[in-house]
Amino acid sequence: MIKVYGKANCSKCQTLKNILDEKKVNYEYIEDLKTLMMVASKARIMSAPVVEKDEVIYTMEQFLEVL
C-alpha cells in the first residue's frame, strides 16, 4: 500500500493525488501535520508531500521516477 503524507492547501500534494488518481493507483492519503513532520524528519525530507511505499520513504519527485 502506498501512503501519501500531505498537508492542507498544498498544491504539490494535490498534484500528486491527481496523478495517482489518473493512473488509478491505490493509495492512502494522510493529512496530519504531526505525522507528516515525523515521517519527513526521519527521512530528512523538508517538503510535502512525502510518499511511503514498501517501507521506503520518497519525495514526490523521487516517487514519480519510481512510479
PDB file of N, CA and C in Angstrom:
ATOM      1  N   MET A   1       0.837  -1.189   0.000  1.00  0.00           N
ATOM      2  CA  MET A   1       0.000   0.000   0.000  1.00  0.00           C
ATOM      3  C   MET A   1       0.878   1.247   0.000  1.00  0.00           C
ATOM      4  N   ILE A   2       0.510   2.198  -0.797  1.00  0.00           N
ATOM      5  CA  ILE A   2       1.209   3.477  -0.874  1.00  0.00           C
ATOM      6  C   ILE A   2       0.532   4.448   0.082  1.00  0.00           C
ATOM      7  N   LYS A   3       1.344   5.130   0.883  1.00  0.00           N
ATOM      8  CA  LYS A   3       0.828   6.154   1.786  1.00  0.00           C
ATOM      9  C   LYS A   3       1.410   7.488   1.350  1.00  0.00           C
ATOM     10  N   VAL A   4       0.537   8.462   1.201  1.00  0.00           N
ATOM     11  CA  VAL A   4       0.955   9.816   0.854  1.00  0.00           C
ATOM     12  C   VAL A   4       0.662  10.696   2.060  1.00  0.00           C
ATOM     13  N   TYR A   5       1.707  11.307   2.594  1.00  0.00           N
ATOM     14  CA  TYR A   5       1.562  12.218   3.727  1.00  0.00           C
ATOM     15  C   TYR A   5       1.590  13.632   3.177  1.00  0.00           C
ATOM     16  N   GLY A   6       0.522  14.382   3.437  1.00  0.00           N
ATOM     17  CA  GLY A   6       0.429  15.732   2.910  1.00  0.00           C
ATOM     18  C   GLY A   6      -0.120  16.681   3.943  1.00  0.00           C
ATOM     19  N   LYS A   7      -0.384  17.907   3.484  1.00  0.00           N
ATOM     20  CA  LYS A   7      -0.942  18.912   4.379  1.00  0.00           C
ATOM     21  C   LYS A   7      -1.971  19.735   3.620  1.00  0.00           C
ATOM     22  N   ALA A   8      -2.791  20.441   4.374  1.00  0.00           N
ATOM     23  CA  ALA A   8      -3.852  21.249   3.783  1.00  0.00           C
ATOM     24  C   ALA A   8      -3.255  22.366   2.925  1.00  0.00           C
ATOM     25  N   ASN A   9      -3.957  22.710   1.863  1.00  0.00           N
ATOM     26  CA  ASN A   9      -3.569  23.807   0.968  1.00  0.00           C
ATOM     27  C   ASN A   9      -2.192  23.617   0.349  1.00  0.00           C
ATOM     28  N   CYS A  10      -1.828  22.381   0.066  1.00  0.00           N
ATOM     29  CA  CYS A  10      -0.526  22.058  -0.533  1.00  0.00           C
ATOM     30  C   CYS A  10      -0.749  21.723  -2.006  1.00  0.00           C
ATOM     31  N   SER A  11      -0.268  22.599  -2.887  1.00  0.00           N
ATOM     32  CA  SER A  11      -0.504  22.380  -4.320  1.00  0.00           C
ATOM     33  C   SER A  11       0.225  21.140  -4.833  1.00  0.00           C
ATOM     34  N   LYS A  12       1.444  20.873  -4.318  1.00  0.00           N
ATOM     35  CA  LYS A  12       2.170  19.669  -4.747  1.00  0.00           C
ATOM     36  C   LYS A  12       1.447  18.406  -4.282  1.00  0.00           C
ATOM     37  N   CYS A  13       0.852  18.456  -3.086  1.00  0.00           N
ATOM     38  CA  CYS A  13       0.097  17.302  -2.582  1.00  0.00           C
ATOM     39  C   CYS A  13      -1.086  17.021  -3.505  1.00  0.00           C
ATOM     40  N   GLN A  14      -1.802  18.071  -3.884  1.00  0.00           N
ATOM     41  CA  GLN A  14      -2.958  17.916  -4.770  1.00  0.00           C
ATOM     42  C   GLN A  14      -2.532  17.410  -6.141  1.00  0.00           C
ATOM     43  N   THR A  15      -1.420  17.914  -6.644  1.00  0.00           N
ATOM     44  CA  THR A  15      -0.910  17.456  -7.935  1.00  0.00           C
ATOM     45  C   THR A  15      -0.594  15.967  -7.890  1.00  0.00           C
ATOM     46  N   LEU A  16       0.071  15.524  -6.834  1.00  0.00           N
ATOM     47  CA  LEU A  16       0.410  14.107  -6.711  1.00  0.00           C
ATOM     48  C   LEU A  16      -0.851  13.254  -6.612  1.00  0.00           C
ATOM     49  N   LYS A  17      -1.828  13.694  -5.844  1.00  0.00           N
ATOM     50  CA  LYS A  17      -3.092  12.945  -5.746  1.00  0.00           C
ATOM     51  C   LYS A  17      -3.764  12.843  -7.111  1.00  0.00           C
ATOM     52  N   ASN A  18      -3.737  13.921  -7.879  1.00  0.00           N
ATOM     53  CA  ASN A  18      -4.333  13.899  -9.222  1.00  0.00           C
ATOM     54  C   ASN A  18      -3.612  12.908 -10.128  1.00  0.00           C
ATOM     55  N   ILE A  19      -2.284  12.886 -10.073  1.00  0.00           N
ATOM     56  CA  ILE A  19      -1.502  11.950 -10.894  1.00  0.00           C
ATOM     57  C   ILE A  19      -1.835  10.515 -10.514  1.00  0.00           C
ATOM     58  N   LEU A  20      -1.874  10.226  -9.218  1.00  0.00           N
ATOM     59  CA  LEU A  20      -2.166   8.864  -8.764  1.00  0.00           C
ATOM     60  C   LEU A  20      -3.587   8.455  -9.154  1.00  0.00           C
ATOM     61  N   ASP A  21      -4.537   9.377  -9.043  1.00  0.00           N
ATOM     62  CA  ASP A  21      -5.910   9.083  -9.437  1.00  0.00           C
ATOM     63  C   ASP A  21      -6.010   8.798 -10.935  1.00  0.00           C
ATOM     64  N   GLU A  22      -5.334   9.606 -11.751  1.00  0.00           N
ATOM     65  CA  GLU A  22      -5.349   9.407 -13.205  1.00  0.00           C
ATOM     66  C   GLU A  22      -4.768   8.047 -13.587  1.00  0.00           C
ATOM     67  N   LYS A  23      -3.727   7.625 -12.858  1.00  0.00           N
ATOM     68  CA  LYS A  23      -3.086   6.338 -13.149  1.00  0.00           C
ATOM     69  C   LYS A  23      -3.779   5.169 -12.441  1.00  0.00           C
ATOM     70  N   LYS A  24      -4.857   5.502 -11.707  1.00  0.00           N
ATOM     71  CA  LYS A  24      -5.636   4.502 -10.964  1.00  0.00           C
ATOM     72  C   LYS A  24      -4.767   3.716  -9.975  1.00  0.00           C
ATOM     73  N   VAL A  25      -3.874   4.441  -9.299  1.00  0.00           N
ATOM     74  CA  VAL A  25      -3.004   3.844  -8.289  1.00  0.00           C
ATOM     75  C   VAL A  25      -3.731   3.902  -6.952  1.00  0.00           C
ATOM     76  N   ASN A  26      -3.762   2.773  -6.264  1.00  0.00           N
ATOM     77  CA  ASN A  26      -4.407   2.715  -4.953  1.00  0.00           C
ATOM     78  C   ASN A  26      -3.460   3.292  -3.909  1.00  0.00           C
ATOM     79  N   TYR A  27      -3.937   4.259  -3.134  1.00  0.00           N
ATOM     80  CA  TYR A  27      -3.097   4.889  -2.117  1.00  0.00           C
ATOM     81  C   TYR A  27      -3.960   5.383  -0.964  1.00  0.00           C
ATOM     82  N   GLU A  28      -3.296   5.632   0.150  1.00  0.00           N
ATOM     83  CA  GLU A  28      -3.957   6.211   1.316  1.00  0.00           C
ATOM     84  C   GLU A  28      -3.376   7.603   1.514  1.00  0.00           C
ATOM     85  N   TYR A  29      -4.248   8.607   1.605  1.00  0.00           N
ATOM     86  CA  TYR A  29      -3.787   9.984   1.808  1.00  0.00           C
ATOM     87  C   TYR A  29      -3.946  10.334   3.282  1.00  0.00           C
ATOM     88  N   ILE A  30      -2.864  10.748   3.899  1.00  0.00           N
ATOM     89  CA  ILE A  30      -2.867  11.073   5.324  1.00  0.00           C
ATOM     90  C   ILE A  30      -2.545  12.552   5.470  1.00  0.00           C
ATOM     91  N   GLU A  31      -3.536  13.305   5.934  1.00  0.00           N
ATOM     92  CA  GLU A  31      -3.369  14.743   6.104  1.00  0.00           C
ATOM     93  C   GLU A  31      -3.314  15.060   7.594  1.00  0.00           C
ATOM     94  N   ASP A  32      -2.151  14.816   8.163  1.00  0.00           N
ATOM     95  CA  ASP A  32      -1.920  15.057   9.584  1.00  0.00           C
ATOM     96  C   ASP A  32      -0.529  15.655   9.718  1.00  0.00           C
ATOM     97  N   LEU A  33      -0.472  16.908  10.082  1.00  0.00           N
ATOM     98  CA  LEU A  33       0.795  17.627  10.094  1.00  0.00           C
ATOM     99  C   LEU A  33       1.829  16.990  11.016  1.00  0.00           C
ATOM    100  N   LYS A  34       1.399  16.519  12.175  1.00  0.00           N
ATOM    101  CA  LYS A  34       2.327  15.892  13.122  1.00  0.00           C
ATOM    102  C   LYS A  34       2.942  14.628  12.524  1.00  0.00           C
ATOM    103  N   THR A  35       2.116  13.797  11.914  1.00  0.00           N
ATOM    104  CA  THR A  35       2.601  12.566  11.285  1.00  0.00           C
ATOM    105  C   THR A  35       3.518  12.901  10.106  1.00  0.00           C
ATOM    106  N   LEU A  36       3.114  13.868   9.299  1.00  0.00           N
ATOM    107  CA  LEU A  36       3.934  14.291   8.164  1.00  0.00           C
ATOM    108  C   LEU A  36       5.321  14.724   8.632  1.00  0.00           C
ATOM    109  N   MET A  37       5.361  15.557   9.658  1.00  0.00           N
ATOM    110  CA  MET A  37       6.646  16.047  10.149  1.00  0.00           C
ATOM    111  C   MET A  37       7.505  14.924  10.720  1.00  0.00           C
ATOM    112  N   MET A  38       6.879  13.968  11.380  1.00  0.00           N
ATOM    113  CA  MET A  38       7.618  12.853  11.961  1.00  0.00           C
ATOM    114  C   MET A  38       8.237  11.977  10.859  1.00  0.00           C
ATOM    115  N   VAL A  39       7.429  11.608   9.863  1.00  0.00           N
ATOM    116  CA  VAL A  39       7.915  10.763   8.769  1.00  0.00           C
ATOM    117  C   VAL A  39       8.976  11.505   7.950  1.00  0.00           C
ATOM    118  N   ALA A  40       8.700  12.758   7.639  1.00  0.00           N
ATOM    119  CA  ALA A  40       9.627  13.540   6.815  1.00  0.00           C
ATOM    120  C   ALA A  40      10.962  13.757   7.520  1.00  0.00           C
ATOM    121  N   SER A  41      10.928  14.032   8.817  1.00  0.00           N
ATOM    122  CA  SER A  41      12.181  14.297   9.529  1.00  0.00           C
ATOM    123  C   SER A  41      13.045  13.048   9.619  1.00  0.00           C
ATOM    124  N   LYS A  42      12.436  11.879   9.772  1.00  0.00           N
ATOM    125  CA  LYS A  42      13.213  10.632   9.797  1.00  0.00           C
ATOM    126  C   LYS A  42      13.934  10.413   8.476  1.00  0.00           C
ATOM    127  N   ALA A  43      13.274  10.802   7.376  1.00  0.00           N
ATOM    128  CA  ALA A  43      13.859  10.611   6.044  1.00  0.00           C
ATOM    129  C   ALA A  43      14.639  11.837   5.578  1.00  0.00           C
ATOM    130  N   ARG A  44      14.678  12.867   6.422  1.00  0.00           N
ATOM    131  CA  ARG A  44      15.365  14.122   6.096  1.00  0.00           C
ATOM    132  C   ARG A  44      14.805  14.769   4.835  1.00  0.00           C
ATOM    133  N   ILE A  45      13.499  14.749   4.735  1.00  0.00           N
ATOM    134  CA  ILE A  45      12.792  15.403   3.631  1.00  0.00           C
ATOM    135  C   ILE A  45      12.174  16.678   4.198  1.00  0.00           C
ATOM    136  N   MET A  46      12.346  17.767   3.477  1.00  0.00           N
ATOM    137  CA  MET A  46      11.944  19.067   4.012  1.00  0.00           C
ATOM    138  C   MET A  46      10.666  19.638   3.412  1.00  0.00           C
ATOM    139  N   SER A  47       9.993  18.911   2.516  1.00  0.00           N
ATOM    140  CA  SER A  47       8.779  19.461   1.930  1.00  0.00           C
ATOM    141  C   SER A  47       7.745  18.370   1.685  1.00  0.00           C
ATOM    142  N   ALA A  48       6.497  18.764   1.709  1.00  0.00           N
ATOM    143  CA  ALA A  48       5.389  17.857   1.430  1.00  0.00           C
ATOM    144  C   ALA A  48       5.162  17.827  -0.077  1.00  0.00           C
ATOM    145  N   PRO A  49       4.612  16.754  -0.591  1.00  0.00           N
ATOM    146  CA  PRO A  49       4.214  15.525   0.094  1.00  0.00           C
ATOM    147  C   PRO A  49       5.386  14.560   0.259  1.00  0.00           C
ATOM    148  N   VAL A  50       5.175  13.626   1.173  1.00  0.00           N
ATOM    149  CA  VAL A  50       6.124  12.541   1.410  1.00  0.00           C
ATOM    150  C   VAL A  50       5.375  11.247   1.108  1.00  0.00           C
ATOM    151  N   VAL A  51       6.025  10.343   0.387  1.00  0.00           N
ATOM    152  CA  VAL A  51       5.383   9.099  -0.029  1.00  0.00           C
ATOM    153  C   VAL A  51       6.112   7.923   0.603  1.00  0.00           C
ATOM    154  N   GLU A  52       5.319   6.968   1.116  1.00  0.00           N
ATOM    155  CA  GLU A  52       5.881   5.736   1.663  1.00  0.00           C
ATOM    156  C   GLU A  52       5.348   4.560   0.857  1.00  0.00           C
ATOM    157  N   LYS A  53       6.280   3.775   0.326  1.00  0.00           N
ATOM    158  CA  LYS A  53       5.908   2.573  -0.428  1.00  0.00           C
ATOM    159  C   LYS A  53       6.874   1.472  -0.067  1.00  0.00           C
ATOM    160  N   ASP A  54       6.355   0.341   0.355  1.00  0.00           N
ATOM    161  CA  ASP A  54       7.186  -0.804   0.735  1.00  0.00           C
ATOM    162  C   ASP A  54       8.250  -0.405   1.757  1.00  0.00           C
ATOM    163  N   GLU A  55       7.841   0.405   2.728  1.00  0.00           N
ATOM    164  CA  GLU A  55       8.687   0.848   3.831  1.00  0.00           C
ATOM    165  C   GLU A  55       9.859   1.734   3.400  1.00  0.00           C
ATOM    166  N   VAL A  56       9.792   2.275   2.185  1.00  0.00           N
ATOM    167  CA  VAL A  56      10.787   3.224   1.700  1.00  0.00           C
ATOM    168  C   VAL A  56      10.103   4.586   1.587  1.00  0.00           C
ATOM    169  N   ILE A  57      10.797   5.631   2.029  1.00  0.00           N
ATOM    170  CA  ILE A  57      10.245   6.981   2.019  1.00  0.00           C
ATOM    171  C   ILE A  57      10.814   7.752   0.830  1.00  0.00           C
ATOM    172  N   TYR A  58       9.939   8.443   0.095  1.00  0.00           N
ATOM    173  CA  TYR A  58      10.328   9.182  -1.105  1.00  0.00           C
ATOM    174  C   TYR A  58       9.806  10.616  -1.047  1.00  0.00           C
ATOM    175  N   THR A  59      10.520  11.521  -1.707  1.00  0.00           N
ATOM    176  CA  THR A  59       9.938  12.821  -2.023  1.00  0.00           C
ATOM    177  C   THR A  59       8.982  12.584  -3.193  1.00  0.00           C
ATOM    178  N   MET A  60       8.174  13.579  -3.507  1.00  0.00           N
ATOM    179  CA  MET A  60       7.262  13.446  -4.644  1.00  0.00           C
ATOM    180  C   MET A  60       8.046  13.165  -5.926  1.00  0.00           C
ATOM    181  N   GLU A  61       9.133  13.900  -6.141  1.00  0.00           N
ATOM    182  CA  GLU A  61       9.916  13.746  -7.364  1.00  0.00           C
ATOM    183  C   GLU A  61      10.550  12.356  -7.464  1.00  0.00           C
ATOM    184  N   GLN A  62      11.098  11.866  -6.361  1.00  0.00           N
ATOM    185  CA  GLN A  62      11.694  10.526  -6.350  1.00  0.00           C
ATOM    186  C   GLN A  62      10.631   9.459  -6.631  1.00  0.00           C
ATOM    187  N   PHE A  63       9.467   9.629  -6.035  1.00  0.00           N
ATOM    188  CA  PHE A  63       8.411   8.635  -6.203  1.00  0.00           C
ATOM    189  C   PHE A  63       7.917   8.606  -7.645  1.00  0.00           C
ATOM    190  N   LEU A  64       7.781   9.756  -8.279  1.00  0.00           N
ATOM    191  CA  LEU A  64       7.316   9.785  -9.671  1.00  0.00           C
ATOM    192  C   LEU A  64       8.301   9.085 -10.594  1.00  0.00           C
ATOM    193  N   GLU A  65       9.604   9.110 -10.267  1.00  0.00           N
ATOM    194  CA  GLU A  65      10.585   8.372 -11.060  1.00  0.00           C
ATOM    195  C   GLU A  65      10.396   6.866 -10.889  1.00  0.00           C
ATOM    196  N   VAL A  66      10.062   6.433  -9.675  1.00  0.00           N
ATOM    197  CA  VAL A  66       9.854   5.010  -9.388  1.00  0.00           C
ATOM    198  C   VAL A  66       8.540   4.520  -9.972  1.00  0.00           C
ATOM    199  N   LEU A  67       7.546   5.397  -9.966  1.00  0.00           N
ATOM    200  CA  LEU A  67       6.203   5.035 -10.437  1.00  0.00           C
ATOM    201  C   LEU A  67       6.245   4.745 -11.915  1.00  0.00           C
TER     202      LEU A  67
END
